């Protein structure tokens, strides 16, 4: 990561309309880690045709959360589960991202969620989005992404179909006013 580019951890990454990669078209990604080694995030607005209840059932943990969506977190390691959540509980494998958001990859959080003992605010995803060193910075320079500070209301409580527009509204303008041409003033 260049000295000029600060970490985008705890930011939303919003795909620009000209994004041609079908993995990211129309997405909002929550950036969980960003440093000189690259970046990692979870797409938060693309549900899979799979419910949390089905995953809990497959893991033999119960299935009380039948209707809760599971998200396509990104094209990397689609068989691996990730839980973004409010930082409640002590889990085997967690990363504190901010005061209000942690990321856990261990099964113990899913067991607690099945017993209604897990964190109140949570989002479950399979897979993640990843970028190598300098790759995300280059894509931002090429006008592929907008960034803005994340918002827990959007992350945990906004319906997936409204997250993209809600994230754009944090920037204070209408996306249709943007040019698809990169440039410098």
Protein backbone atom coordinates (compact mmCIF):
# COMPACT_ATOMS: atom_id res chain seq x y z
CA UNK A 1 0.00 0.00 0.00
CA UNK A 2 1.46 3.37 -0.95
CA UNK A 3 2.09 6.01 1.70
CA UNK A 4 -0.54 8.19 0.02
CA UNK A 5 -3.28 5.55 0.27
CA UNK A 6 -4.65 5.02 3.75
CA UNK A 7 -6.20 1.77 4.86
CA UNK A 8 -9.74 1.19 3.63
CA UNK A 9 -10.52 -1.18 6.50
CA UNK A 10 -14.06 -0.56 7.86
CA UNK A 11 -15.08 1.18 4.62
CA UNK A 12 -17.71 0.35 2.02
CA UNK A 13 -16.40 -0.35 -1.47
CA UNK A 14 -19.14 0.48 -3.99
CA UNK A 15 -18.91 -0.88 -7.54
CA UNK A 16 -19.14 1.82 -10.18
CA UNK A 17 -21.75 1.35 -12.94
CA UNK A 18 -19.10 0.50 -15.52
CA UNK A 19 -17.85 -2.46 -13.46
CA UNK A 20 -17.67 -5.29 -15.99
CA UNK A 21 -16.66 -8.08 -13.62
CA UNK A 22 -19.84 -10.12 -12.93
CA UNK A 23 -18.44 -11.01 -9.50
CA UNK A 24 -18.77 -7.36 -8.44
CA UNK A 25 -21.37 -5.71 -10.68
CA UNK A 26 -23.79 -3.76 -8.46
CA UNK A 27 -22.11 -4.75 -5.22
CA UNK A 28 -21.28 -3.14 -1.90
CA UNK A 29 -18.31 -4.74 -0.17
CA UNK A 30 -17.37 -4.23 3.47
CA UNK A 31 -13.57 -4.04 3.70
CA UNK A 32 -12.33 -6.18 6.60
CA UNK A 33 -8.59 -5.83 6.08
CA UNK A 34 -6.39 -3.62 3.89
CA UNK A 35 -2.63 -3.30 4.14
CA UNK A 36 0.56 -3.58 2.09
CA UNK A 37 -0.22 -7.28 1.46
CA UNK A 38 -3.60 -6.55 -0.20
CA UNK A 39 -7.24 -6.30 0.84
CA UNK A 40 -10.05 -8.58 1.95
CA UNK A 41 -13.77 -7.85 2.11
CA UNK A 42 -17.24 -9.36 2.24
CA UNK A 43 -19.93 -8.49 -0.33
CA UNK A 44 -23.00 -7.52 1.72
CA UNK A 45 -25.78 -7.16 -0.86
CA UNK A 46 -25.82 -10.37 -2.90
CA UNK A 47 -27.82 -13.16 -1.22
CA UNK A 48 -27.38 -16.77 -2.24
CA UNK A 49 -30.28 -19.15 -2.79
CA UNK A 50 -29.44 -20.61 0.60
CA UNK A 51 -30.77 -19.75 4.04
CA UNK A 52 -28.97 -19.66 7.34
CA UNK A 53 -31.33 -22.40 8.52
CA UNK A 54 -30.08 -24.67 5.71
CA UNK A 55 -26.45 -24.09 6.68
CA UNK A 56 -27.18 -24.67 10.36
CA UNK A 57 -29.02 -27.86 9.41
CA UNK A 58 -26.11 -29.10 7.26
CA UNK A 59 -23.82 -28.52 10.24
CA UNK A 60 -26.30 -30.33 12.50
CA UNK A 61 -26.71 -27.23 14.65
CA UNK A 62 -30.48 -26.78 14.37
CA UNK A 63 -32.30 -24.45 12.04
CA UNK A 64 -34.36 -21.79 13.77
CA UNK A 65 -33.27 -19.03 11.40
CA UNK A 66 -34.94 -20.55 8.34
CA UNK A 67 -35.58 -17.35 6.35
CA UNK A 68 -32.36 -15.43 7.04
CA UNK A 69 -30.29 -15.04 3.88
CA UNK A 70 -26.71 -16.16 3.46
CA UNK A 71 -24.65 -13.87 1.24
CA UNK A 72 -22.24 -14.47 -1.62
CA UNK A 73 -19.29 -12.83 0.14
CA UNK A 74 -17.09 -12.96 -2.95
CA UNK A 75 -15.45 -15.31 -5.42
CA UNK A 76 -12.64 -16.53 -3.13
CA UNK A 77 -13.07 -19.70 -1.00
CA UNK A 78 -16.83 -20.03 -1.55
CA UNK A 79 -16.92 -23.10 0.69
CA UNK A 80 -15.71 -21.08 3.71
CA UNK A 81 -18.09 -19.24 6.03
CA UNK A 82 -17.65 -15.72 7.39
CA UNK A 83 -19.79 -13.95 9.98
CA UNK A 84 -19.73 -10.16 10.23
CA UNK A 85 -21.22 -9.23 13.60
CA UNK A 86 -21.43 -6.85 16.50
CA UNK A 87 -18.48 -7.59 18.80
CA UNK A 88 -20.36 -9.68 21.34
CA UNK A 89 -19.04 -13.00 22.59
CA UNK A 90 -15.67 -14.68 22.70
CA UNK A 91 -15.17 -16.76 19.54
CA UNK A 92 -12.30 -19.04 18.54
CA UNK A 93 -11.33 -17.13 15.40
CA UNK A 94 -12.32 -13.45 15.35
CA UNK A 95 -10.90 -10.23 14.01
CA UNK A 96 -12.07 -6.93 15.51
CA UNK A 97 -12.52 -4.53 12.59
CA UNK A 98 -13.97 -1.56 14.49
CA UNK A 99 -15.74 -0.79 17.76
CA UNK A 100 -18.99 -2.00 16.20
CA UNK A 101 -17.97 -4.81 13.82
CA UNK A 102 -15.99 -8.05 14.09
CA UNK A 103 -15.41 -10.89 11.63
CA UNK A 104 -15.51 -14.50 12.83
CA UNK A 105 -14.71 -17.63 10.84
CA UNK A 106 -15.09 -20.33 13.51
CA UNK A 107 -18.04 -22.70 13.83
CA UNK A 108 -18.66 -21.79 17.49
CA UNK A 109 -20.42 -18.56 16.52
CA UNK A 110 -22.84 -20.49 14.27
CA UNK A 111 -23.60 -22.91 17.13
CA UNK A 112 -24.37 -19.94 19.38
CA UNK A 113 -26.57 -18.38 16.67
CA UNK A 114 -28.49 -21.68 16.32
CA UNK A 115 -29.19 -21.51 20.08
CA UNK A 116 -30.14 -17.81 19.80
CA UNK A 117 -27.07 -16.94 21.90
CA UNK A 118 -25.02 -15.32 19.15
CA UNK A 119 -24.45 -11.63 18.46
CA UNK A 120 -27.63 -9.66 17.87
CA UNK A 121 -26.34 -8.01 14.70
CA UNK A 122 -24.84 -10.43 12.17
CA UNK A 123 -24.44 -11.17 8.48
CA UNK A 124 -23.38 -14.63 7.28
CA UNK A 125 -21.51 -15.05 3.98
CA UNK A 126 -19.83 -17.80 2.02
CA UNK A 127 -16.62 -16.70 0.33
CA UNK A 128 -14.84 -13.38 0.30
CA UNK A 129 -13.41 -10.80 -2.06
CA UNK A 130 -9.65 -10.48 -2.16
CA UNK A 131 -7.09 -8.23 -3.84
CA UNK A 132 -3.33 -8.64 -4.08
CA UNK A 133 -0.80 -5.95 -3.12
CA UNK A 134 -1.67 -2.69 -4.90
CA UNK A 135 -4.54 -4.25 -6.89
CA UNK A 136 -7.39 -2.47 -5.09
CA UNK A 137 -5.56 0.86 -5.20
CA UNK A 138 -5.10 0.42 -8.97
CA UNK A 139 -8.80 -0.42 -9.46
CA UNK A 140 -9.79 2.68 -7.48
CA UNK A 141 -7.44 4.79 -9.62
CA UNK A 142 -9.13 3.29 -12.71
CA UNK A 143 -12.52 4.51 -11.44
CA UNK A 144 -13.91 1.01 -10.74
CA UNK A 145 -14.88 1.71 -7.13
CA UNK A 146 -16.16 4.41 -4.80
CA UNK A 147 -15.31 4.24 -1.12
CA UNK A 148 -16.98 5.67 1.95
CA UNK A 149 -17.01 4.99 5.69
CA UNK A 150 -19.14 1.99 6.57
CA UNK A 151 -22.42 2.28 8.40
CA UNK A 152 -23.69 -0.43 10.79
CA UNK A 153 -27.32 0.37 10.00
CA UNK A 154 -26.70 -0.41 6.33
CA UNK A 155 -24.46 -3.38 7.13
CA UNK A 156 -26.84 -5.16 9.51
CA UNK A 157 -30.34 -3.70 9.18
CA UNK A 158 -30.92 -2.49 5.61
CA UNK A 159 -32.56 -5.03 3.25
CA UNK A 160 -30.01 -6.36 0.73
CA UNK A 161 -31.93 -4.85 -2.20
CA UNK A 162 -31.51 -1.36 -0.72
CA UNK A 163 -27.89 -1.53 0.48
CA UNK A 164 -26.35 -0.28 -2.78
CA UNK A 165 -28.49 2.90 -2.91
CA UNK A 166 -28.13 3.41 0.85
CA UNK A 167 -24.33 3.23 0.58
CA UNK A 168 -24.35 5.65 -2.38
CA UNK A 169 -26.50 8.08 -0.38
CA UNK A 170 -23.73 8.25 2.24
CA UNK A 171 -21.68 10.04 -0.41
CA UNK A 172 -24.33 12.71 -0.88
CA UNK A 173 -24.92 12.53 -4.64
CA UNK A 174 -26.84 10.69 -7.32
CA UNK A 175 -24.84 7.94 -9.04
CA UNK A 176 -26.36 8.89 -12.41
CA UNK A 177 -24.43 12.19 -12.21
CA UNK A 178 -21.07 10.40 -12.38
CA UNK A 179 -18.95 10.03 -15.48
CA UNK A 180 -17.47 6.65 -16.30
CA UNK A 181 -14.22 8.37 -17.28
CA UNK A 182 -11.34 8.57 -14.80
CA UNK A 183 -9.48 11.82 -14.58
CA UNK A 184 -7.71 14.30 -12.36
CA UNK A 185 -8.66 17.87 -11.65
